[in-house]
PDB file of N, CA and C in Angstrom:
ATOM      1  N   UNK A   1       0.844  -1.186   0.000  1.00  0.00           N
ATOM      2  CA  UNK A   1       0.000   0.000   0.000  1.00  0.00           C
ATOM      3  C   UNK A   1       0.884   1.242   0.000  1.00  0.00           C
ATOM      4  N   UNK A   2       0.639   2.148  -0.890  1.00  0.00           N
ATOM      5  CA  UNK A   2       1.379   3.399  -0.955  1.00  0.00           C
ATOM      6  C   UNK A   2       0.666   4.451  -0.122  1.00  0.00           C
ATOM      7  N   UNK A   3       1.457   5.244   0.593  1.00  0.00           N
ATOM      8  CA  UNK A   3       0.900   6.353   1.367  1.00  0.00           C
ATOM      9  C   UNK A   3       1.937   7.454   1.426  1.00  0.00           C
ATOM     10  N   UNK A   4       1.477   8.696   1.693  1.00  0.00           N
ATOM     11  CA  UNK A   4       2.433   9.777   1.883  1.00  0.00           C
ATOM     12  C   UNK A   4       3.130   9.496   3.203  1.00  0.00           C
ATOM     13  N   UNK A   5       4.432   9.349   3.135  1.00  0.00           N
ATOM     14  CA  UNK A   5       5.219   9.064   4.326  1.00  0.00           C
ATOM     15  C   UNK A   5       5.708  10.327   4.990  1.00  0.00           C
ATOM     16  N   UNK A   6       6.136  11.306   4.178  1.00  0.00           N
ATOM     17  CA  UNK A   6       6.594  12.561   4.763  1.00  0.00           C
ATOM     18  C   UNK A   6       6.623  13.666   3.730  1.00  0.00           C
ATOM     19  N   UNK A   7       6.667  14.865   4.239  1.00  0.00           N
ATOM     20  CA  UNK A   7       6.933  16.058   3.441  1.00  0.00           C
ATOM     21  C   UNK A   7       8.263  16.580   3.961  1.00  0.00           C
ATOM     22  N   UNK A   8       9.203  16.790   3.056  1.00  0.00           N
ATOM     23  CA  UNK A   8      10.582  17.095   3.414  1.00  0.00           C
ATOM     24  C   UNK A   8      10.916  18.556   3.110  1.00  0.00           C
ATOM     25  N   UNK A   9      11.396  19.269   4.123  1.00  0.00           N
ATOM     26  CA  UNK A   9      11.888  20.631   3.973  1.00  0.00           C
ATOM     27  C   UNK A   9      13.384  20.628   4.232  1.00  0.00           C
ATOM     28  N   UNK A  10      14.129  21.362   3.444  1.00  0.00           N
ATOM     29  CA  UNK A  10      15.560  21.503   3.665  1.00  0.00           C
ATOM     30  C   UNK A  10      15.848  22.585   4.696  1.00  0.00           C
ATOM     31  N   UNK A  11      16.973  22.428   5.380  1.00  0.00           N
ATOM     32  CA  UNK A  11      17.415  23.442   6.333  1.00  0.00           C
ATOM     33  C   UNK A  11      18.935  23.437   6.420  1.00  0.00           C
ATOM     34  N   UNK A  12      19.497  24.603   6.622  1.00  0.00           N
ATOM     35  CA  UNK A  12      20.933  24.726   6.854  1.00  0.00           C
ATOM     36  C   UNK A  12      21.257  24.777   8.338  1.00  0.00           C
ATOM     37  N   UNK A  13      20.231  24.891   9.177  1.00  0.00           N
ATOM     38  CA  UNK A  13      20.420  24.972  10.628  1.00  0.00           C
ATOM     39  C   UNK A  13      19.384  24.072  11.302  1.00  0.00           C
ATOM     40  N   UNK A  14      19.750  22.806  11.480  1.00  0.00           N
ATOM     41  CA  UNK A  14      18.823  21.807  12.009  1.00  0.00           C
ATOM     42  C   UNK A  14      18.295  22.195  13.389  1.00  0.00           C
ATOM     43  N   UNK A  15      19.171  22.622  14.275  1.00  0.00           N
ATOM     44  CA  UNK A  15      18.737  22.949  15.640  1.00  0.00           C
ATOM     45  C   UNK A  15      17.695  24.060  15.633  1.00  0.00           C
ATOM     46  N   UNK A  16      17.929  25.095  14.844  1.00  0.00           N
ATOM     47  CA  UNK A  16      16.981  26.208  14.779  1.00  0.00           C
ATOM     48  C   UNK A  16      15.662  25.770  14.148  1.00  0.00           C
ATOM     49  N   UNK A  17      15.728  24.953  13.096  1.00  0.00           N
ATOM     50  CA  UNK A  17      14.505  24.494  12.429  1.00  0.00           C
ATOM     51  C   UNK A  17      13.681  23.602  13.347  1.00  0.00           C
ATOM     52  N   UNK A  18      14.355  22.667  14.036  1.00  0.00           N
ATOM     53  CA  UNK A  18      13.639  21.797  14.981  1.00  0.00           C
ATOM     54  C   UNK A  18      12.979  22.642  16.057  1.00  0.00           C
ATOM     55  N   UNK A  19      13.716  23.578  16.620  1.00  0.00           N
ATOM     56  CA  UNK A  19      13.165  24.431  17.678  1.00  0.00           C
ATOM     57  C   UNK A  19      11.964  25.227  17.163  1.00  0.00           C
ATOM     58  N   UNK A  20      12.054  25.750  15.942  1.00  0.00           N
ATOM     59  CA  UNK A  20      10.960  26.542  15.373  1.00  0.00           C
ATOM     60  C   UNK A  20       9.683  25.720  15.260  1.00  0.00           C
ATOM     61  N   UNK A  21       9.765  24.550  14.641  1.00  0.00           N
ATOM     62  CA  UNK A  21       8.560  23.742  14.421  1.00  0.00           C
ATOM     63  C   UNK A  21       8.093  23.038  15.704  1.00  0.00           C
ATOM     64  N   UNK A  22       9.016  22.677  16.558  1.00  0.00           N
ATOM     65  CA  UNK A  22       8.654  22.058  17.839  1.00  0.00           C
ATOM     66  C   UNK A  22       8.015  23.080  18.766  1.00  0.00           C
ATOM     67  N   UNK A  23       8.689  24.199  18.968  1.00  0.00           N
ATOM     68  CA  UNK A  23       8.215  25.187  19.930  1.00  0.00           C
ATOM     69  C   UNK A  23       7.132  26.093  19.351  1.00  0.00           C
ATOM     70  N   UNK A  24       7.250  26.431  18.084  1.00  0.00           N
ATOM     71  CA  UNK A  24       6.290  27.345  17.474  1.00  0.00           C
ATOM     72  C   UNK A  24       4.972  26.689  17.100  1.00  0.00           C
ATOM     73  N   UNK A  25       5.036  25.454  16.572  1.00  0.00           N
ATOM     74  CA  UNK A  25       3.816  24.763  16.156  1.00  0.00           C
ATOM     75  C   UNK A  25       3.442  23.616  17.091  1.00  0.00           C
ATOM     76  N   UNK A  26       4.346  23.265  17.986  1.00  0.00           N
ATOM     77  CA  UNK A  26       4.055  22.168  18.905  1.00  0.00           C
ATOM     78  C   UNK A  26       4.201  20.790  18.299  1.00  0.00           C
ATOM     79  N   UNK A  27       4.959  20.669  17.183  1.00  0.00           N
ATOM     80  CA  UNK A  27       5.171  19.352  16.579  1.00  0.00           C
ATOM     81  C   UNK A  27       6.151  18.552  17.435  1.00  0.00           C
ATOM     82  N   UNK A  28       5.780  17.335  17.746  1.00  0.00           N
ATOM     83  CA  UNK A  28       6.626  16.461  18.563  1.00  0.00           C
ATOM     84  C   UNK A  28       7.744  15.863  17.711  1.00  0.00           C
ATOM     85  N   UNK A  29       8.964  15.893  18.222  1.00  0.00           N
ATOM     86  CA  UNK A  29      10.090  15.281  17.517  1.00  0.00           C
ATOM     87  C   UNK A  29      10.015  13.779  17.730  1.00  0.00           C
ATOM     88  N   UNK A  30       9.866  13.036  16.628  1.00  0.00           N
ATOM     89  CA  UNK A  30       9.805  11.569  16.685  1.00  0.00           C
ATOM     90  C   UNK A  30      11.203  10.947  16.644  1.00  0.00           C
ATOM     91  N   UNK A  31      12.075  11.566  15.839  1.00  0.00           N
ATOM     92  CA  UNK A  31      13.403  10.999  15.592  1.00  0.00           C
ATOM     93  C   UNK A  31      14.311  12.123  15.119  1.00  0.00           C
ATOM     94  N   UNK A  32      15.551  12.085  15.547  1.00  0.00           N
ATOM     95  CA  UNK A  32      16.524  13.042  15.032  1.00  0.00           C
ATOM     96  C   UNK A  32      17.870  12.355  14.880  1.00  0.00           C
ATOM     97  N   UNK A  33      18.482  12.534  13.720  1.00  0.00           N
ATOM     98  CA  UNK A  33      19.806  12.008  13.422  1.00  0.00           C
ATOM     99  C   UNK A  33      20.768  13.192  13.424  1.00  0.00           C
ATOM    100  N   UNK A  34      21.092  13.671  14.608  1.00  0.00           N
ATOM    101  CA  UNK A  34      22.019  14.793  14.763  1.00  0.00           C
ATOM    102  C   UNK A  34      21.606  15.997  13.954  1.00  0.00           C
ATOM    103  N   UNK A  35      22.553  16.534  13.193  1.00  0.00           N
ATOM    104  CA  UNK A  35      22.309  17.706  12.351  1.00  0.00           C
ATOM    105  C   UNK A  35      21.917  17.311  10.926  1.00  0.00           C
ATOM    106  N   UNK A  36      21.707  16.009  10.685  1.00  0.00           N
ATOM    107  CA  UNK A  36      21.447  15.485   9.355  1.00  0.00           C
ATOM    108  C   UNK A  36      19.968  15.450   8.982  1.00  0.00           C
ATOM    109  N   UNK A  37      19.116  15.020   9.921  1.00  0.00           N
ATOM    110  CA  UNK A  37      17.712  14.733   9.605  1.00  0.00           C
ATOM    111  C   UNK A  37      16.889  14.754  10.880  1.00  0.00           C
ATOM    112  N   UNK A  38      15.660  15.219  10.785  1.00  0.00           N
ATOM    113  CA  UNK A  38      14.726  15.149  11.913  1.00  0.00           C
ATOM    114  C   UNK A  38      13.337  14.837  11.375  1.00  0.00           C
ATOM    115  N   UNK A  39      12.601  14.021  12.098  1.00  0.00           N
ATOM    116  CA  UNK A  39      11.233  13.668  11.749  1.00  0.00           C
ATOM    117  C   UNK A  39      10.321  14.145  12.876  1.00  0.00           C
ATOM    118  N   UNK A  40       9.352  14.973  12.526  1.00  0.00           N
ATOM    119  CA  UNK A  40       8.409  15.509  13.504  1.00  0.00           C
ATOM    120  C   UNK A  40       7.015  14.985  13.189  1.00  0.00           C
ATOM    121  N   UNK A  41       6.204  14.814  14.214  1.00  0.00           N
ATOM    122  CA  UNK A  41       4.853  14.287  14.052  1.00  0.00           C
ATOM    123  C   UNK A  41       3.962  15.352  13.439  1.00  0.00           C
ATOM    124  N   UNK A  42       3.551  15.120  12.199  1.00  0.00           N
ATOM    125  CA  UNK A  42       2.681  16.055  11.499  1.00  0.00           C
ATOM    126  C   UNK A  42       1.219  15.648  11.559  1.00  0.00           C
ATOM    127  N   UNK A  43       0.863  14.761  12.488  1.00  0.00           N
ATOM    128  CA  UNK A  43      -0.526  14.362  12.628  1.00  0.00           C
ATOM    129  C   UNK A  43      -0.993  13.417  11.541  1.00  0.00           C
ATOM    130  N   UNK A  44      -0.251  12.370  11.291  1.00  0.00           N
ATOM    131  CA  UNK A  44      -0.602  11.393  10.267  1.00  0.00           C
ATOM    132  C   UNK A  44       0.417  11.325   9.148  1.00  0.00           C
ATOM    133  N   UNK A  45       1.092  12.414   8.891  1.00  0.00           N
ATOM    134  CA  UNK A  45       2.178  12.471   7.916  1.00  0.00           C
ATOM    135  C   UNK A  45       3.375  13.090   8.619  1.00  0.00           C
ATOM    136  N   UNK A  46       4.524  12.501   8.433  1.00  0.00           N
ATOM    137  CA  UNK A  46       5.730  13.027   9.060  1.00  0.00           C
ATOM    138  C   UNK A  46       6.163  14.310   8.367  1.00  0.00           C
ATOM    139  N   UNK A  47       6.516  15.300   9.165  1.00  0.00           N
ATOM    140  CA  UNK A  47       7.127  16.521   8.663  1.00  0.00           C
ATOM    141  C   UNK A  47       8.623  16.347   8.893  1.00  0.00           C
ATOM    142  N   UNK A  48       9.393  16.249   7.820  1.00  0.00           N
ATOM    143  CA  UNK A  48      10.815  15.943   7.924  1.00  0.00           C
ATOM    144  C   UNK A  48      11.662  17.173   7.586  1.00  0.00           C
ATOM    145  N   UNK A  49      12.770  17.287   8.287  1.00  0.00           N
ATOM    146  CA  UNK A  49      13.751  18.342   8.047  1.00  0.00           C
ATOM    147  C   UNK A  49      15.052  17.681   7.619  1.00  0.00           C
ATOM    148  N   UNK A  50      15.682  18.203   6.588  1.00  0.00           N
ATOM    149  CA  UNK A  50      16.899  17.589   6.062  1.00  0.00           C
ATOM    150  C   UNK A  50      18.003  18.612   5.892  1.00  0.00           C
ATOM    151  N   UNK A  51      19.196  18.234   6.335  1.00  0.00           N
ATOM    152  CA  UNK A  51      20.387  19.048   6.135  1.00  0.00           C
ATOM    153  C   UNK A  51      20.779  18.998   4.651  1.00  0.00           C
ATOM    154  N   UNK A  52      21.654  19.888   4.209  1.00  0.00           N
ATOM    155  CA  UNK A  52      21.999  19.935   2.785  1.00  0.00           C
ATOM    156  C   UNK A  52      22.379  18.585   2.173  1.00  0.00           C
ATOM    157  N   UNK A  53      23.128  17.749   2.882  1.00  0.00           N
ATOM    158  CA  UNK A  53      23.539  16.464   2.291  1.00  0.00           C
ATOM    159  C   UNK A  53      22.389  15.485   2.123  1.00  0.00           C
ATOM    160  N   UNK A  54      21.255  15.731   2.757  1.00  0.00           N
ATOM    161  CA  UNK A  54      20.080  14.872   2.634  1.00  0.00           C
ATOM    162  C   UNK A  54      18.980  15.487   1.777  1.00  0.00           C
ATOM    163  N   UNK A  55      19.167  16.701   1.300  1.00  0.00           N
ATOM    164  CA  UNK A  55      18.150  17.357   0.479  1.00  0.00           C
ATOM    165  C   UNK A  55      18.180  16.762  -0.915  1.00  0.00           C
ATOM    166  N   UNK A  56      17.036  16.348  -1.405  1.00  0.00           N
ATOM    167  CA  UNK A  56      16.959  15.680  -2.706  1.00  0.00           C
ATOM    168  C   UNK A  56      16.532  16.612  -3.835  1.00  0.00           C
ATOM    169  N   UNK A  57      16.036  17.801  -3.501  1.00  0.00           N
ATOM    170  CA  UNK A  57      15.612  18.774  -4.507  1.00  0.00           C
ATOM    171  C   UNK A  57      15.485  20.131  -3.843  1.00  0.00           C
ATOM    172  N   UNK A  58      15.473  21.172  -4.647  1.00  0.00           N
ATOM    173  CA  UNK A  58      15.227  22.505  -4.113  1.00  0.00           C
ATOM    174  C   UNK A  58      13.740  22.616  -3.799  1.00  0.00           C
ATOM    175  N   UNK A  59      13.419  23.111  -2.640  1.00  0.00           N
ATOM    176  CA  UNK A  59      12.022  23.268  -2.250  1.00  0.00           C
ATOM    177  C   UNK A  59      11.475  22.026  -1.571  1.00  0.00           C
ATOM    178  N   UNK A  60      10.244  22.116  -1.103  1.00  0.00           N
ATOM    179  CA  UNK A  60       9.620  20.978  -0.420  1.00  0.00           C
ATOM    180  C   UNK A  60       9.438  19.792  -1.359  1.00  0.00           C
ATOM    181  N   UNK A  61       9.522  18.596  -0.802  1.00  0.00           N
ATOM    182  CA  UNK A  61       9.385  17.363  -1.563  1.00  0.00           C
ATOM    183  C   UNK A  61       8.480  16.412  -0.793  1.00  0.00           C
ATOM    184  N   UNK A  62       7.515  15.806  -1.480  1.00  0.00           N
ATOM    185  CA  UNK A  62       6.670  14.784  -0.874  1.00  0.00           C
ATOM    186  C   UNK A  62       7.351  13.438  -1.070  1.00  0.00           C
ATOM    187  N   UNK A  63       7.338  12.623  -0.016  1.00  0.00           N
ATOM    188  CA  UNK A  63       7.898  11.269  -0.075  1.00  0.00           C
ATOM    189  C   UNK A  63       6.784  10.263   0.111  1.00  0.00           C
ATOM    190  N   UNK A  64       6.737   9.275  -0.776  1.00  0.00           N
ATOM    191  CA  UNK A  64       5.731   8.227  -0.707  1.00  0.00           C
ATOM    192  C   UNK A  64       6.365   6.943  -0.193  1.00  0.00           C
ATOM    193  N   UNK A  65       5.793   6.377   0.846  1.00  0.00           N
ATOM    194  CA  UNK A  65       6.280   5.103   1.377  1.00  0.00           C
ATOM    195  C   UNK A  65       5.643   3.981   0.568  1.00  0.00           C
ATOM    196  N   UNK A  66       6.493   3.111   0.042  1.00  0.00           N
ATOM    197  CA  UNK A  66       6.033   2.009  -0.807  1.00  0.00           C
ATOM    198  C   UNK A  66       6.614   0.696  -0.286  1.00  0.00           C
ATOM    199  N   UNK A  67       6.099  -0.414  -0.788  1.00  0.00           N
ATOM    200  CA  UNK A  67       6.595  -1.725  -0.372  1.00  0.00           C
ATOM    201  C   UNK A  67       7.898  -2.096  -1.069  1.00  0.00           C
ATOM    202  N   UNK A  68       8.037  -1.736  -2.354  1.00  0.00           N
ATOM    203  CA  UNK A  68       9.191  -2.153  -3.155  1.00  0.00           C
ATOM    204  C   UNK A  68       9.646  -0.970  -4.006  1.00  0.00           C
ATOM    205  N   UNK A  69      10.753  -0.357  -3.627  1.00  0.00           N
ATOM    206  CA  UNK A  69      11.238   0.839  -4.316  1.00  0.00           C
ATOM    207  C   UNK A  69      11.604   0.537  -5.766  1.00  0.00           C
ATOM    208  N   UNK A  70      12.323  -0.553  -6.014  1.00  0.00           N
ATOM    209  CA  UNK A  70      12.750  -0.866  -7.381  1.00  0.00           C
ATOM    210  C   UNK A  70      11.560  -1.099  -8.304  1.00  0.00           C
ATOM    211  N   UNK A  71      10.595  -1.888  -7.870  1.00  0.00           N
ATOM    212  CA  UNK A  71       9.417  -2.171  -8.701  1.00  0.00           C
ATOM    213  C   UNK A  71       8.587  -0.910  -8.919  1.00  0.00           C
ATOM    214  N   UNK A  72       8.429  -0.108  -7.887  1.00  0.00           N
ATOM    215  CA  UNK A  72       7.656   1.133  -8.010  1.00  0.00           C
ATOM    216  C   UNK A  72       8.351   2.099  -8.954  1.00  0.00           C
ATOM    217  N   UNK A  73       9.672   2.206  -8.849  1.00  0.00           N
ATOM    218  CA  UNK A  73      10.440   3.086  -9.725  1.00  0.00           C
ATOM    219  C   UNK A  73      10.289   2.649 -11.180  1.00  0.00           C
ATOM    220  N   UNK A  74      10.359   1.362 -11.407  1.00  0.00           N
ATOM    221  CA  UNK A  74      10.198   0.832 -12.769  1.00  0.00           C
ATOM    222  C   UNK A  74       8.804   1.160 -13.315  1.00  0.00           C
ATOM    223  N   UNK A  75       7.787   0.961 -12.512  1.00  0.00           N
ATOM    224  CA  UNK A  75       6.409   1.248 -12.911  1.00  0.00           C
ATOM    225  C   UNK A  75       6.224   2.745 -13.212  1.00  0.00           C
ATOM    226  N   UNK A  76       6.807   3.597 -12.363  1.00  0.00           N
ATOM    227  CA  UNK A  76       6.663   5.042 -12.535  1.00  0.00           C
ATOM    228  C   UNK A  76       7.409   5.553 -13.767  1.00  0.00           C
ATOM    229  N   UNK A  77       8.609   5.051 -14.009  1.00  0.00           N
ATOM    230  CA  UNK A  77       9.346   5.497 -15.198  1.00  0.00           C
ATOM    231  C   UNK A  77       8.635   5.020 -16.471  1.00  0.00           C
ATOM    232  N   UNK A  78       8.029   3.848 -16.424  1.00  0.00           N
ATOM    233  CA  UNK A  78       7.247   3.372 -17.573  1.00  0.00           C
ATOM    234  C   UNK A  78       6.036   4.261 -17.813  1.00  0.00           C
ATOM    235  N   UNK A  79       5.539   4.890 -16.752  1.00  0.00           N
ATOM    236  CA  UNK A  79       4.372   5.770 -16.854  1.00  0.00           C
ATOM    237  C   UNK A  79       4.756   7.218 -17.170  1.00  0.00           C
ATOM    238  N   UNK A  80       6.061   7.494 -17.349  1.00  0.00           N
ATOM    239  CA  UNK A  80       6.480   8.826 -17.758  1.00  0.00           C
ATOM    240  C   UNK A  80       7.303   9.610 -16.760  1.00  0.00           C
ATOM    241  N   UNK A  81       7.595   9.039 -15.594  1.00  0.00           N
ATOM    242  CA  UNK A  81       8.443   9.732 -14.623  1.00  0.00           C
ATOM    243  C   UNK A  81       9.898   9.697 -15.073  1.00  0.00           C
ATOM    244  N   UNK A  82      10.661  10.685 -14.647  1.00  0.00           N
ATOM    245  CA  UNK A  82      12.103  10.721 -14.899  1.00  0.00           C
ATOM    246  C   UNK A  82      12.818  10.314 -13.618  1.00  0.00           C
ATOM    247  N   UNK A  83      13.707   9.347 -13.727  1.00  0.00           N
ATOM    248  CA  UNK A  83      14.508   8.931 -12.582  1.00  0.00           C
ATOM    249  C   UNK A  83      15.659   9.916 -12.417  1.00  0.00           C
ATOM    250  N   UNK A  84      15.740  10.553 -11.250  1.00  0.00           N
ATOM    251  CA  UNK A  84      16.786  11.523 -10.964  1.00  0.00           C
ATOM    252  C   UNK A  84      17.946  10.846 -10.252  1.00  0.00           C
ATOM    253  N   UNK A  85      17.620   9.965  -9.304  1.00  0.00           N
ATOM    254  CA  UNK A  85      18.662   9.312  -8.501  1.00  0.00           C
ATOM    255  C   UNK A  85      18.085   8.047  -7.874  1.00  0.00           C
ATOM    256  N   UNK A  86      18.899   6.984  -7.871  1.00  0.00           N
ATOM    257  CA  UNK A  86      18.516   5.772  -7.175  1.00  0.00           C
ATOM    258  C   UNK A  86      17.956   4.726  -8.111  1.00  0.00           C
ATOM    259  N   UNK A  87      17.342   3.714  -7.515  1.00  0.00           N
ATOM    260  CA  UNK A  87      17.219   3.449  -6.078  1.00  0.00           C
ATOM    261  C   UNK A  87      18.593   3.294  -5.421  1.00  0.00           C
ATOM    262  N   UNK A  88      18.647   3.766  -4.182  1.00  0.00           N
ATOM    263  CA  UNK A  88      19.893   3.745  -3.431  1.00  0.00           C
ATOM    264  C   UNK A  88      19.599   3.570  -1.952  1.00  0.00           C
ATOM    265  N   UNK A  89      20.600   3.091  -1.237  1.00  0.00           N
ATOM    266  CA  UNK A  89      20.491   3.005   0.217  1.00  0.00           C
ATOM    267  C   UNK A  89      20.719   4.376   0.806  1.00  0.00           C
ATOM    268  N   UNK A  90      19.731   4.896   1.515  1.00  0.00           N
ATOM    269  CA  UNK A  90      19.889   6.125   2.277  1.00  0.00           C
ATOM    270  C   UNK A  90      20.344   5.755   3.678  1.00  0.00           C
ATOM    271  N   UNK A  91      20.489   6.729   4.535  1.00  0.00           N
ATOM    272  CA  UNK A  91      20.966   6.438   5.882  1.00  0.00           C
ATOM    273  C   UNK A  91      19.995   5.592   6.706  1.00  0.00           C
ATOM    274  N   UNK A  92      18.696   5.628   6.350  1.00  0.00           N
ATOM    275  CA  UNK A  92      17.709   4.888   7.140  1.00  0.00           C
ATOM    276  C   UNK A  92      16.717   4.117   6.283  1.00  0.00           C
ATOM    277  N   UNK A  93      16.879   4.176   4.960  1.00  0.00           N
ATOM    278  CA  UNK A  93      15.907   3.567   4.072  1.00  0.00           C
ATOM    279  C   UNK A  93      16.501   3.354   2.688  1.00  0.00           C
ATOM    280  N   UNK A  94      15.734   2.706   1.836  1.00  0.00           N
ATOM    281  CA  UNK A  94      16.041   2.602   0.412  1.00  0.00           C
ATOM    282  C   UNK A  94      15.156   3.635  -0.268  1.00  0.00           C
ATOM    283  N   UNK A  95      15.716   4.432  -1.187  1.00  0.00           N
ATOM    284  CA  UNK A  95      14.923   5.497  -1.785  1.00  0.00           C
ATOM    285  C   UNK A  95      15.324   5.740  -3.235  1.00  0.00           C
ATOM    286  N   UNK A  96      14.413   6.378  -3.945  1.00  0.00           N
ATOM    287  CA  UNK A  96      14.670   6.846  -5.300  1.00  0.00           C
ATOM    288  C   UNK A  96      14.042   8.227  -5.423  1.00  0.00           C
ATOM    289  N   UNK A  97      14.711   9.100  -6.147  1.00  0.00           N
ATOM    290  CA  UNK A  97      14.216  10.448  -6.403  1.00  0.00           C
ATOM    291  C   UNK A  97      13.794  10.503  -7.866  1.00  0.00           C
ATOM    292  N   UNK A  98      12.576  10.967  -8.097  1.00  0.00           N
ATOM    293  CA  UNK A  98      12.032  11.038  -9.450  1.00  0.00           C
ATOM    294  C   UNK A  98      11.394  12.400  -9.689  1.00  0.00           C
ATOM    295  N   UNK A  99      11.039  12.659 -10.944  1.00  0.00           N
ATOM    296  CA  UNK A  99      10.227  13.824 -11.308  1.00  0.00           C
ATOM    297  C   UNK A  99       9.014  13.287 -12.050  1.00  0.00           C
ATOM    298  N   UNK A 100       7.853  13.828 -11.710  1.00  0.00           N
ATOM    299  CA  UNK A 100       6.650  13.418 -12.426  1.00  0.00           C
ATOM    300  C   UNK A 100       6.674  14.025 -13.828  1.00  0.00           C
ATOM    301  N   UNK A 101       5.723  13.668 -14.706  1.00  0.00           N
ATOM    302  CA  UNK A 101       5.760  14.191 -16.075  1.00  0.00           C
ATOM    303  C   UNK A 101       5.727  15.719 -16.163  1.00  0.00           C
ATOM    304  N   UNK A 102       5.248  16.396 -15.109  1.00  0.00           N
ATOM    305  CA  UNK A 102       5.230  17.859 -15.100  1.00  0.00           C
ATOM    306  C   UNK A 102       6.523  18.445 -14.535  1.00  0.00           C
ATOM    307  N   UNK A 103       7.453  17.580 -14.105  1.00  0.00           N
ATOM    308  CA  UNK A 103       8.736  18.044 -13.593  1.00  0.00           C
ATOM    309  C   UNK A 103       8.822  18.202 -12.086  1.00  0.00           C
ATOM    310  N   UNK A 104       7.766  17.851 -11.357  1.00  0.00           N
ATOM    311  CA  UNK A 104       7.766  17.978  -9.900  1.00  0.00           C
ATOM    312  C   UNK A 104       8.561  16.852  -9.250  1.00  0.00           C
ATOM    313  N   UNK A 105       9.502  17.179  -8.369  1.00  0.00           N
ATOM    314  CA  UNK A 105      10.285  16.129  -7.716  1.00  0.00           C
ATOM    315  C   UNK A 105       9.478  15.426  -6.620  1.00  0.00           C
ATOM    316  N   UNK A 106       9.753  14.143  -6.448  1.00  0.00           N
ATOM    317  CA  UNK A 106       9.185  13.375  -5.347  1.00  0.00           C
ATOM    318  C   UNK A 106      10.093  12.194  -5.063  1.00  0.00           C
ATOM    319  N   UNK A 107       9.876  11.583  -3.913  1.00  0.00           N
ATOM    320  CA  UNK A 107      10.690  10.461  -3.465  1.00  0.00           C
ATOM    321  C   UNK A 107       9.769   9.268  -3.231  1.00  0.00           C
ATOM    322  N   UNK A 108      10.240   8.077  -3.588  1.00  0.00           N
ATOM    323  CA  UNK A 108       9.624   6.842  -3.132  1.00  0.00           C
ATOM    324  C   UNK A 108      10.651   6.165  -2.228  1.00  0.00           C
ATOM    325  N   UNK A 109      10.181   5.613  -1.125  1.00  0.00           N
ATOM    326  CA  UNK A 109      11.110   4.997  -0.184  1.00  0.00           C
ATOM    327  C   UNK A 109      10.455   3.830   0.528  1.00  0.00           C
ATOM    328  N   UNK A 110      11.310   2.991   1.081  1.00  0.00           N
ATOM    329  CA  UNK A 110      10.870   1.865   1.910  1.00  0.00           C
ATOM    330  C   UNK A 110      11.877   1.719   3.033  1.00  0.00           C
ATOM    331  N   UNK A 111      11.370   1.391   4.191  1.00  0.00           N
ATOM    332  CA  UNK A 111      12.259   1.099   5.312  1.00  0.00           C
ATOM    333  C   UNK A 111      13.064  -0.132   4.979  1.00  0.00           C
ATOM    334  N   UNK A 112      14.266  -0.204   5.446  1.00  0.00           N
ATOM    335  CA  UNK A 112      15.084  -1.402   5.197  1.00  0.00           C
ATOM    336  C   UNK A 112      14.368  -2.606   5.761  1.00  0.00           C
ATOM    337  N   UNK A 113      14.323  -3.665   4.976  1.00  0.00           N
ATOM    338  CA  UNK A 113      13.658  -4.889   5.416  1.00  0.00           C
ATOM    339  C   UNK A 113      12.168  -4.862   5.198  1.00  0.00           C
ATOM    340  N   UNK A 114      11.630  -3.750   4.642  1.00  0.00           N
ATOM    341  CA  UNK A 114      10.189  -3.663   4.402  1.00  0.00           C
ATOM    342  C   UNK A 114       9.879  -3.858   2.940  1.00  0.00           C
TER     343      UNK A 114
END
């Protein structure tokens, strides 16, 4: 089953971004990987913050959690998506970065072992 797993925003200052969304909006921090990545509870969809080395595109990016990244990537490229990067092992998941036929970037990912 595919679902929106997260919406990813880039940041150059992880501590300040976490503090802003945690303290300003009251989003609970679910997970943080130092200055690299943070996942906050967005009420059903994770709101993720990524340092420059984890940013997959300029601007916000929606990530879809899927069962099989390779098969989904193949299906999407056959349907007109452009593969930008991957599938590859990320620090916590397997992921691929694509652009839809209109050029919008998005990510498909699966937890390791899922």
